[in-house]
N, C-alpha and C. Protein backbone atom coordinates (compact mmCIF):
# COMPACT_ATOMS: atom_id res chain seq x y z
N MET A 1 4.59 -7.98 -16.22
CA MET A 1 4.06 -9.10 -15.84
C MET A 1 4.92 -9.00 -14.57
N ARG A 2 4.36 -9.14 -13.28
CA ARG A 2 4.95 -9.31 -12.19
C ARG A 2 5.58 -10.56 -11.68
N ALA A 3 6.74 -10.80 -11.52
CA ALA A 3 7.05 -12.31 -11.04
C ALA A 3 8.29 -12.12 -9.41
N THR A 4 8.29 -13.59 -9.16
CA THR A 4 9.02 -13.48 -8.09
C THR A 4 10.59 -13.78 -8.59
N GLY A 5 11.27 -14.22 -7.29
CA GLY A 5 13.04 -14.52 -7.77
C GLY A 5 13.01 -16.11 -7.79
N ALA A 6 11.80 -16.62 -7.55
CA ALA A 6 11.72 -18.42 -7.42
C ALA A 6 11.17 -18.84 -9.44
N ASP A 7 10.60 -17.54 -9.75
CA ASP A 7 10.13 -17.92 -11.25
C ASP A 7 11.48 -17.81 -12.25
N ALA A 8 11.98 -18.47 -13.13
CA ALA A 8 13.25 -18.97 -13.97
C ALA A 8 13.06 -18.11 -14.82
N GLY A 9 14.65 -17.12 -15.13
CA GLY A 9 14.39 -16.11 -16.26
C GLY A 9 13.06 -14.95 -16.62
N ALA A 10 12.39 -15.04 -15.15
CA ALA A 10 11.23 -14.33 -15.04
C ALA A 10 12.15 -12.44 -14.49
N THR A 11 11.30 -11.58 -15.14
CA THR A 11 12.24 -10.12 -14.85
C THR A 11 11.06 -9.68 -13.27
N VAL A 12 11.59 -9.26 -13.08
CA VAL A 12 11.09 -8.65 -11.51
C VAL A 12 10.68 -7.39 -11.66
N GLU A 13 9.28 -6.75 -11.61
CA GLU A 13 9.42 -5.56 -11.74
C GLU A 13 9.70 -4.79 -10.23
N GLU A 14 10.14 -3.79 -10.06
CA GLU A 14 10.20 -2.90 -9.12
C GLU A 14 8.79 -2.37 -8.64
N SER A 15 8.74 -1.98 -7.36
CA SER A 15 7.64 -1.80 -6.55
C SER A 15 7.85 -0.18 -6.89
N LEU A 16 6.89 0.40 -6.24
CA LEU A 16 7.00 1.71 -6.24
C LEU A 16 7.94 2.07 -5.20
N GLN A 17 8.01 1.20 -3.27
CA GLN A 17 8.59 1.22 -2.23
C GLN A 17 10.01 1.01 -3.05
N GLU A 18 10.21 0.01 -3.52
CA GLU A 18 11.49 -0.25 -3.91
C GLU A 18 12.61 0.95 -5.11
N ARG A 19 11.57 1.43 -5.53
CA ARG A 19 12.18 2.05 -6.55
C ARG A 19 12.48 3.63 -6.08
N PHE A 20 11.51 3.99 -5.05
CA PHE A 20 11.22 5.75 -4.23
C PHE A 20 11.92 5.37 -2.83
N ALA A 21 12.07 4.20 -1.97
CA ALA A 21 12.19 4.32 -0.82
C ALA A 21 12.65 3.22 -0.57
N ALA A 22 13.82 2.88 -1.15
CA ALA A 22 14.24 1.42 -0.45
C ALA A 22 14.78 1.20 0.66
N GLU A 23 15.22 2.43 1.45
CA GLU A 23 15.76 2.39 2.57
C GLU A 23 14.94 2.56 3.56
N THR A 24 13.73 3.20 2.82
CA THR A 24 12.55 3.05 4.16
C THR A 24 12.90 1.96 5.45
N ARG A 25 12.12 2.31 6.48
CA ARG A 25 12.12 1.37 7.60
C ARG A 25 10.50 1.00 7.67
N CYS A 26 9.89 1.82 7.31
CA CYS A 26 8.07 2.07 8.04
C CYS A 26 7.62 0.13 7.71
N PHE A 27 7.09 0.22 9.21
CA PHE A 27 6.51 -1.72 9.14
C PHE A 27 5.70 -1.75 8.24
N GLY A 28 4.69 -0.64 7.62
CA GLY A 28 4.05 -1.52 6.68
C GLY A 28 4.65 -1.96 4.98
N CYS A 29 5.67 -0.80 4.64
CA CYS A 29 5.99 -0.62 3.22
C CYS A 29 7.43 -0.82 3.28
N GLY A 30 8.03 -0.40 4.02
CA GLY A 30 9.51 -0.90 4.23
C GLY A 30 10.40 -1.69 3.67
N PRO A 31 11.35 -1.09 2.32
CA PRO A 31 11.96 -2.60 2.16
C PRO A 31 12.90 -2.41 3.01
N SER A 32 13.80 -2.12 4.13
CA SER A 32 14.95 -1.90 4.56
C SER A 32 14.34 -2.79 5.89
N ASN A 33 12.73 -2.80 6.08
CA ASN A 33 12.59 -3.52 7.91
C ASN A 33 12.31 -5.09 7.42
N PRO A 34 12.90 -5.37 7.74
CA PRO A 34 13.21 -6.94 7.90
C PRO A 34 12.64 -7.99 8.90
N SER A 35 11.85 -6.91 9.82
CA SER A 35 10.47 -7.35 10.76
C SER A 35 8.83 -6.55 10.05
N GLY A 36 8.94 -6.18 9.34
CA GLY A 36 8.12 -5.09 8.71
C GLY A 36 7.26 -6.42 7.72
N LEU A 37 6.00 -5.73 7.26
CA LEU A 37 5.29 -6.54 6.12
C LEU A 37 5.89 -6.50 4.71
N ARG A 38 6.72 -5.73 4.47
CA ARG A 38 7.42 -5.12 3.07
C ARG A 38 6.33 -5.66 1.64
N ILE A 39 5.00 -4.59 1.89
CA ILE A 39 4.03 -4.58 1.29
C ILE A 39 5.01 -3.93 -0.38
N ARG A 40 4.45 -4.50 -2.10
CA ARG A 40 4.99 -3.91 -2.86
C ARG A 40 3.59 -3.43 -3.11
N SER A 41 3.21 -2.33 -3.49
CA SER A 41 2.39 -1.79 -5.03
C SER A 41 3.09 -1.33 -5.96
N PHE A 42 2.25 -1.32 -7.06
CA PHE A 42 2.45 -1.03 -8.60
C PHE A 42 1.04 -0.39 -8.83
N ILE A 43 1.73 0.70 -10.28
CA ILE A 43 0.56 1.35 -10.61
C ILE A 43 -0.94 0.34 -11.87
N GLU A 44 -1.10 0.34 -12.02
CA GLU A 44 -1.85 -0.48 -12.76
C GLU A 44 -3.20 -0.40 -13.70
N ASP A 45 -3.01 0.56 -14.86
CA ASP A 45 -4.43 0.88 -15.09
C ASP A 45 -5.01 2.06 -14.58
N GLY A 46 -4.08 3.17 -13.84
CA GLY A 46 -4.47 3.69 -13.21
C GLY A 46 -4.81 3.55 -11.70
N GLN A 47 -4.60 2.35 -11.23
CA GLN A 47 -5.02 2.36 -9.66
C GLN A 47 -3.31 1.60 -9.01
N GLY A 48 -3.69 1.72 -7.76
CA GLY A 48 -2.74 0.60 -7.05
C GLY A 48 -3.12 -0.93 -6.68
N ILE A 49 -2.53 -1.46 -7.50
CA ILE A 49 -2.28 -2.65 -6.68
C ILE A 49 -1.54 -3.40 -5.97
N CYS A 50 -1.97 -4.02 -4.84
CA CYS A 50 -0.70 -4.92 -4.30
C CYS A 50 -1.52 -6.32 -3.49
N ASP A 51 -0.12 -7.41 -3.92
CA ASP A 51 -0.98 -8.90 -3.92
C ASP A 51 -0.19 -8.98 -2.39
N PHE A 52 -0.97 -9.30 -1.37
CA PHE A 52 -0.09 -9.40 -0.12
C PHE A 52 -0.42 -11.19 0.19
N SER A 53 0.60 -11.59 0.86
CA SER A 53 0.49 -12.87 1.07
C SER A 53 0.43 -13.03 2.77
N PRO A 54 -0.50 -13.31 3.34
CA PRO A 54 -0.32 -13.24 5.49
C PRO A 54 0.45 -14.36 5.67
N ALA A 55 1.17 -14.27 6.36
CA ALA A 55 1.58 -15.13 7.72
C ALA A 55 1.20 -15.68 8.25
N PRO A 56 0.69 -16.90 8.99
CA PRO A 56 0.69 -17.24 9.84
C PRO A 56 0.72 -16.15 11.68
N ASP A 57 1.57 -15.59 12.01
CA ASP A 57 1.48 -14.84 12.44
C ASP A 57 0.53 -13.78 12.99
N HIS A 58 0.16 -13.31 11.52
CA HIS A 58 -1.07 -12.11 10.67
C HIS A 58 -2.07 -12.20 11.26
N GLU A 59 -2.03 -13.29 11.54
CA GLU A 59 -3.95 -14.60 12.37
C GLU A 59 -4.11 -13.14 13.60
N ALA A 60 -5.20 -13.14 13.45
CA ALA A 60 -6.62 -12.76 14.86
C ALA A 60 -6.64 -13.90 15.32
N PHE A 61 -7.01 -15.18 15.08
CA PHE A 61 -7.31 -16.01 14.86
C PHE A 61 -7.28 -17.26 13.69
N GLU A 62 -6.98 -18.69 14.50
CA GLU A 62 -6.72 -19.97 13.24
C GLU A 62 -7.92 -18.67 11.83
N GLY A 63 -7.06 -19.02 10.66
CA GLY A 63 -7.37 -19.39 9.83
C GLY A 63 -8.10 -17.57 9.40
N PHE A 64 -7.71 -16.64 10.02
CA PHE A 64 -8.31 -15.12 9.82
C PHE A 64 -7.27 -14.17 10.08
N VAL A 65 -7.24 -13.27 8.79
CA VAL A 65 -6.44 -12.17 9.20
C VAL A 65 -6.92 -11.53 10.00
N ALA A 66 -5.51 -10.80 10.96
CA ALA A 66 -6.44 -9.49 11.54
C ALA A 66 -6.73 -8.27 11.28
N GLY A 67 -7.62 -7.34 11.57
CA GLY A 67 -8.03 -6.67 11.19
C GLY A 67 -6.76 -5.32 11.81
N GLY A 68 -5.65 -5.33 12.10
CA GLY A 68 -4.69 -4.30 11.93
C GLY A 68 -3.73 -4.46 11.16
N ILE A 69 -4.02 -5.84 10.92
CA ILE A 69 -2.69 -6.28 9.62
C ILE A 69 -3.56 -5.50 8.48
N ILE A 70 -4.69 -5.98 8.41
CA ILE A 70 -5.21 -5.31 7.26
C ILE A 70 -5.29 -3.69 6.77
N GLY A 71 -5.14 -3.13 8.04
CA GLY A 71 -5.88 -1.52 8.14
C GLY A 71 -4.04 -1.11 7.52
N ALA A 72 -2.94 -1.89 8.82
CA ALA A 72 -1.84 -1.22 8.02
C ALA A 72 -1.16 -1.23 6.23
N VAL A 73 -1.92 -2.51 5.62
CA VAL A 73 -1.84 -2.83 4.71
C VAL A 73 -2.26 -1.93 3.67
N PHE A 74 -3.79 -1.58 3.98
CA PHE A 74 -4.40 -0.35 3.45
C PHE A 74 -3.75 1.03 3.71
N ASP A 75 -3.30 1.08 5.01
CA ASP A 75 -2.42 2.40 5.41
C ASP A 75 -1.60 2.75 4.15
N CYS A 76 -0.11 1.85 4.21
CA CYS A 76 0.45 1.92 3.39
C CYS A 76 0.45 2.05 1.90
N HIS A 77 -0.42 1.17 1.45
CA HIS A 77 -0.73 0.87 -0.12
C HIS A 77 -1.43 2.17 -0.84
N CYS A 78 -2.74 2.33 0.53
CA CYS A 78 -3.46 3.51 -0.38
C CYS A 78 -2.33 4.96 0.08
N ASN A 79 -1.46 5.17 0.66
CA ASN A 79 -0.49 6.18 0.94
C ASN A 79 0.77 6.31 -0.73
N TRP A 80 0.74 5.14 -0.84
CA TRP A 80 1.87 5.27 -2.23
C TRP A 80 0.98 5.55 -2.86
N THR A 81 -0.43 4.90 -3.25
CA THR A 81 -1.00 5.08 -4.57
C THR A 81 -1.44 6.54 -4.61
N ALA A 82 -1.57 7.11 -3.37
CA ALA A 82 -1.40 8.52 -3.00
C ALA A 82 -0.76 9.58 -3.71
N ALA A 83 0.93 9.26 -3.38
CA ALA A 83 1.71 9.78 -3.50
C ALA A 83 2.34 9.58 -4.87
N HIS A 84 2.43 8.58 -5.83
CA HIS A 84 2.39 8.01 -6.92
C HIS A 84 1.36 9.53 -8.05
N HIS A 85 0.24 9.76 -7.40
CA HIS A 85 -0.57 10.51 -8.00
C HIS A 85 -0.43 11.71 -7.99
N LEU A 86 0.12 12.30 -6.57
CA LEU A 86 0.36 13.61 -6.49
C LEU A 86 1.75 14.00 -7.11
N MET A 87 2.56 12.96 -7.35
CA MET A 87 3.82 13.21 -8.40
C MET A 87 3.61 13.02 -9.52
N VAL A 88 2.51 12.42 -10.23
CA VAL A 88 2.40 12.45 -11.84
C VAL A 88 1.82 13.99 -11.67
N ARG A 89 0.64 14.22 -11.06
CA ARG A 89 0.08 15.47 -11.21
C ARG A 89 0.98 16.62 -11.12
N ALA A 90 2.06 16.87 -10.09
CA ALA A 90 2.91 17.63 -10.60
C ALA A 90 3.66 17.64 -11.55
N GLY A 91 3.66 16.51 -12.40
CA GLY A 91 5.03 16.63 -13.37
C GLY A 91 6.76 16.18 -12.60
N ALA A 92 6.56 15.84 -11.39
CA ALA A 92 8.02 15.68 -10.67
C ALA A 92 8.20 14.13 -11.17
N SER A 93 9.68 14.12 -10.83
CA SER A 93 10.31 12.36 -11.08
C SER A 93 9.78 11.42 -9.80
N ARG A 94 9.82 12.25 -8.69
CA ARG A 94 9.81 11.75 -7.72
C ARG A 94 8.65 11.99 -6.48
N PRO A 95 7.85 10.66 -5.94
CA PRO A 95 7.02 11.30 -5.11
C PRO A 95 7.13 12.27 -3.97
N PRO A 96 5.96 13.31 -3.62
CA PRO A 96 6.13 13.95 -2.09
C PRO A 96 5.95 12.58 -1.26
N ALA A 97 7.13 13.44 0.27
CA ALA A 97 6.62 12.71 1.53
C ALA A 97 4.45 12.87 1.37
N THR A 98 4.60 11.91 1.39
CA THR A 98 2.68 12.33 2.09
C THR A 98 2.67 11.23 3.65
N VAL A 99 1.60 11.87 4.36
CA VAL A 99 1.42 11.20 5.41
C VAL A 99 -0.16 10.92 5.50
N THR A 100 -0.69 10.38 6.20
CA THR A 100 -1.99 9.83 6.74
C THR A 100 -2.99 10.83 7.44
N ALA A 101 -3.90 11.64 6.84
CA ALA A 101 -4.50 12.50 7.48
C ALA A 101 -5.37 11.98 8.31
N GLU A 102 -6.08 10.76 7.53
CA GLU A 102 -7.22 9.89 8.20
C GLU A 102 -7.72 8.83 7.96
N TYR A 103 -7.84 8.10 8.26
CA TYR A 103 -8.13 6.65 7.21
C TYR A 103 -9.82 5.66 8.46
N THR A 104 -10.48 5.26 7.42
CA THR A 104 -11.57 4.34 7.72
C THR A 104 -11.23 3.17 6.90
N VAL A 105 -11.56 2.06 7.81
CA VAL A 105 -11.61 0.80 7.36
C VAL A 105 -12.95 0.38 7.41
N ARG A 106 -13.40 -0.65 6.75
CA ARG A 106 -14.67 -0.94 6.56
C ARG A 106 -14.69 -2.64 6.62
N PHE A 107 -14.96 -3.52 7.38
CA PHE A 107 -14.57 -4.34 7.12
C PHE A 107 -16.53 -5.44 6.95
N GLN A 108 -15.91 -6.15 5.90
CA GLN A 108 -17.54 -6.65 5.15
C GLN A 108 -17.53 -7.77 6.00
N ARG A 109 -16.31 -9.17 5.96
CA ARG A 109 -16.29 -10.07 6.29
C ARG A 109 -15.53 -10.36 6.47
N PRO A 110 -15.22 -11.16 7.77
CA PRO A 110 -13.64 -11.69 7.92
C PRO A 110 -12.69 -12.27 6.81
N THR A 111 -11.64 -12.43 6.84
CA THR A 111 -10.48 -12.10 6.07
C THR A 111 -9.93 -13.23 6.49
N PRO A 112 -10.31 -14.53 5.07
CA PRO A 112 -9.15 -15.60 5.13
C PRO A 112 -8.26 -15.58 4.98
N SER A 113 -6.58 -15.94 5.75
CA SER A 113 -5.55 -15.99 5.56
C SER A 113 -5.35 -17.42 5.12
N GLY A 114 -3.91 -17.58 4.59
CA GLY A 114 -3.56 -18.79 3.90
C GLY A 114 -3.97 -18.87 2.08
N ARG A 115 -4.10 -17.74 1.56
CA ARG A 115 -3.91 -17.24 0.63
C ARG A 115 -4.05 -15.89 0.19
N PRO A 116 -3.15 -15.39 -1.13
CA PRO A 116 -3.07 -13.87 -1.76
C PRO A 116 -4.47 -12.90 -1.38
N LEU A 117 -3.59 -11.92 -0.99
CA LEU A 117 -4.88 -10.87 -0.25
C LEU A 117 -4.53 -9.99 -1.58
N ARG A 118 -5.62 -9.11 -2.51
CA ARG A 118 -5.68 -8.49 -3.82
C ARG A 118 -6.05 -6.94 -2.85
N PHE A 119 -5.69 -6.13 -2.60
CA PHE A 119 -5.64 -4.89 -2.15
C PHE A 119 -5.63 -3.64 -3.49
N ARG A 120 -6.96 -3.16 -3.90
CA ARG A 120 -6.65 -2.31 -4.97
C ARG A 120 -7.01 -0.85 -4.41
N ALA A 121 -6.90 -0.08 -5.41
CA ALA A 121 -6.60 1.71 -4.88
C ALA A 121 -6.86 2.97 -5.40
N ARG A 122 -7.66 3.88 -5.67
CA ARG A 122 -8.04 4.26 -6.42
C ARG A 122 -8.19 6.08 -6.11
N VAL A 123 -7.93 6.90 -6.66
CA VAL A 123 -7.83 8.46 -6.29
C VAL A 123 -9.27 8.84 -6.87
N ALA A 124 -9.76 9.38 -5.35
CA ALA A 124 -11.19 9.53 -5.63
C ALA A 124 -11.48 11.22 -6.01
N GLU A 125 -10.97 11.93 -5.13
CA GLU A 125 -10.29 13.88 -4.62
C GLU A 125 -8.80 13.71 -4.78
N SER A 126 -8.66 14.97 -5.38
CA SER A 126 -7.27 15.20 -5.20
C SER A 126 -6.81 17.22 -5.68
N SER A 127 -5.73 17.18 -4.67
CA SER A 127 -5.54 18.58 -4.58
C SER A 127 -3.94 18.85 -5.14
N ASP A 128 -3.37 19.75 -5.28
CA ASP A 128 -2.06 19.72 -5.41
C ASP A 128 -1.16 19.38 -4.27
N ARG A 129 -1.22 18.86 -3.10
CA ARG A 129 -0.91 18.33 -1.62
C ARG A 129 -1.47 17.68 -0.95
N ARG A 130 -3.30 17.42 -1.88
CA ARG A 130 -3.66 16.19 -0.80
C ARG A 130 -4.62 15.46 -1.61
N ALA A 131 -4.72 13.94 -1.19
CA ALA A 131 -5.45 13.00 -2.28
C ALA A 131 -6.03 11.95 -1.52
N THR A 132 -7.68 11.72 -1.68
CA THR A 132 -8.48 10.92 -1.01
C THR A 132 -8.72 10.15 -1.89
N VAL A 133 -8.14 8.23 -1.35
CA VAL A 133 -7.87 7.35 -1.63
C VAL A 133 -9.24 6.27 -1.36
N GLU A 134 -9.66 5.93 -2.03
CA GLU A 134 -10.54 4.49 -1.75
C GLU A 134 -10.02 3.46 -1.92
N GLY A 135 -10.23 2.39 -1.07
CA GLY A 135 -9.47 0.90 -1.86
C GLY A 135 -10.27 -0.31 -1.38
N GLU A 136 -9.91 -1.07 -1.51
CA GLU A 136 -11.04 -2.44 -1.89
C GLU A 136 -9.67 -3.85 -1.47
N LEU A 137 -10.07 -4.79 -0.60
CA LEU A 137 -9.42 -5.98 -0.15
C LEU A 137 -10.94 -7.12 -0.72
N GLU A 138 -9.97 -7.84 -1.71
CA GLU A 138 -10.63 -8.77 -2.20
C GLU A 138 -9.74 -10.62 -2.37
N VAL A 139 -10.24 -11.55 -1.76
CA VAL A 139 -9.96 -12.63 -1.71
C VAL A 139 -10.43 -13.50 -2.04
N ASP A 140 -9.59 -14.41 -3.12
CA ASP A 140 -10.92 -15.01 -4.37
C ASP A 140 -12.16 -14.30 -4.81
N GLY A 141 -11.46 -13.28 -5.13
CA GLY A 141 -12.68 -12.17 -5.86
C GLY A 141 -13.68 -12.04 -5.04
N ILE A 142 -13.48 -12.37 -3.65
CA ILE A 142 -14.56 -11.64 -2.67
C ILE A 142 -14.29 -10.50 -1.66
N LEU A 143 -15.35 -9.66 -1.97
CA LEU A 143 -15.14 -8.21 -1.16
C LEU A 143 -14.60 -8.67 0.23
N THR A 144 -14.03 -8.91 0.98
CA THR A 144 -13.94 -8.35 2.37
C THR A 144 -14.00 -6.87 3.25
N ALA A 145 -13.16 -5.95 2.42
CA ALA A 145 -13.04 -4.70 3.45
C ALA A 145 -13.13 -3.58 2.37
N THR A 146 -13.45 -2.61 2.89
CA THR A 146 -13.12 -1.71 2.13
C THR A 146 -11.95 -0.29 2.88
N CYS A 147 -11.82 1.01 2.43
CA CYS A 147 -10.74 1.83 3.23
C CYS A 147 -11.11 3.49 2.22
N ARG A 148 -11.03 4.09 2.96
CA ARG A 148 -11.08 5.90 2.38
C ARG A 148 -10.42 5.96 3.74
N ALA A 149 -9.64 6.94 2.74
CA ALA A 149 -8.21 7.64 2.95
C ALA A 149 -7.60 8.78 2.57
N THR A 150 -7.60 10.09 3.59
CA THR A 150 -7.00 10.98 2.99
C THR A 150 -5.42 11.19 3.35
N PHE A 151 -4.79 11.81 2.14
CA PHE A 151 -3.04 11.36 2.95
C PHE A 151 -2.73 12.57 2.43
N VAL A 152 -1.36 13.30 2.77
CA VAL A 152 -1.15 15.17 2.91
C VAL A 152 0.51 14.52 2.32
N ALA A 153 0.46 16.08 1.21
CA ALA A 153 2.28 15.88 1.26
C ALA A 153 2.87 17.00 1.90
N VAL A 154 4.06 16.89 3.02
CA VAL A 154 4.50 17.48 4.23
C VAL A 154 5.74 17.82 3.22
N GLY A 155 5.67 19.43 4.01
CA GLY A 155 7.25 19.92 4.03
C GLY A 155 7.81 20.14 5.12
N GLU A 156 9.40 20.72 4.91
CA GLU A 156 10.21 21.04 5.53
C GLU A 156 9.89 21.34 6.75
N GLY A 157 10.31 20.45 7.76
CA GLY A 157 10.40 20.84 9.20
C GLY A 157 9.37 19.10 9.87
N HIS A 158 8.66 19.02 8.53
CA HIS A 158 7.69 17.86 8.84
C HIS A 158 8.75 16.29 8.95
N PRO A 159 8.26 15.49 10.52
CA PRO A 159 9.50 14.84 10.36
C PRO A 159 9.53 13.59 9.44
N ALA A 160 8.29 13.49 8.62
CA ALA A 160 8.51 12.52 7.15
C ALA A 160 9.19 13.01 6.25
N PHE A 161 9.62 14.73 6.01
CA PHE A 161 9.86 15.34 4.94
C PHE A 161 11.01 14.38 4.34
N GLN A 162 11.44 14.68 3.05
CA GLN A 162 12.32 13.40 2.47
C GLN A 162 12.69 11.98 3.00
N ARG A 163 11.69 11.52 3.60
CA ARG A 163 11.59 10.40 4.11
C ARG A 163 11.75 9.04 3.23
N TRP A 164 11.79 9.49 1.73
CA TRP A 164 12.18 8.57 0.51
C TRP A 164 12.73 9.69 -0.35
């Protein structure tokens, strides 16, 4: 079970980002970016899970989350789901550095702010260096957006190589 530091005596589980990329400064998922979203992704039952609580400055208009923030969370969370999958597939001890080849977000309805958002991601297709991930965003059990994204592991010479 995951817990926050405010929960007395609780053990805090390390997210994928904290475990493999503690110094990363990515706006969406970098633990070391004080101005970023600092999302935390976990693998549960074969899928990526990310609970995110938007702040008022993440709103497009009062009471609703900006689509760009939703896109950023999907991009980073699905990327970490893909990287973890490729790591497990290869039998490696660390995930490969992966980058977004493409992603599409479909907004089903406005996403309310002021309560936790639950992002789920699962690998739909993969090869040795590529994974396509499908994601969903729910608020209070209601689907508000979906995502389909493809991520590619990069090699030496790419600016993202060994970023984590």
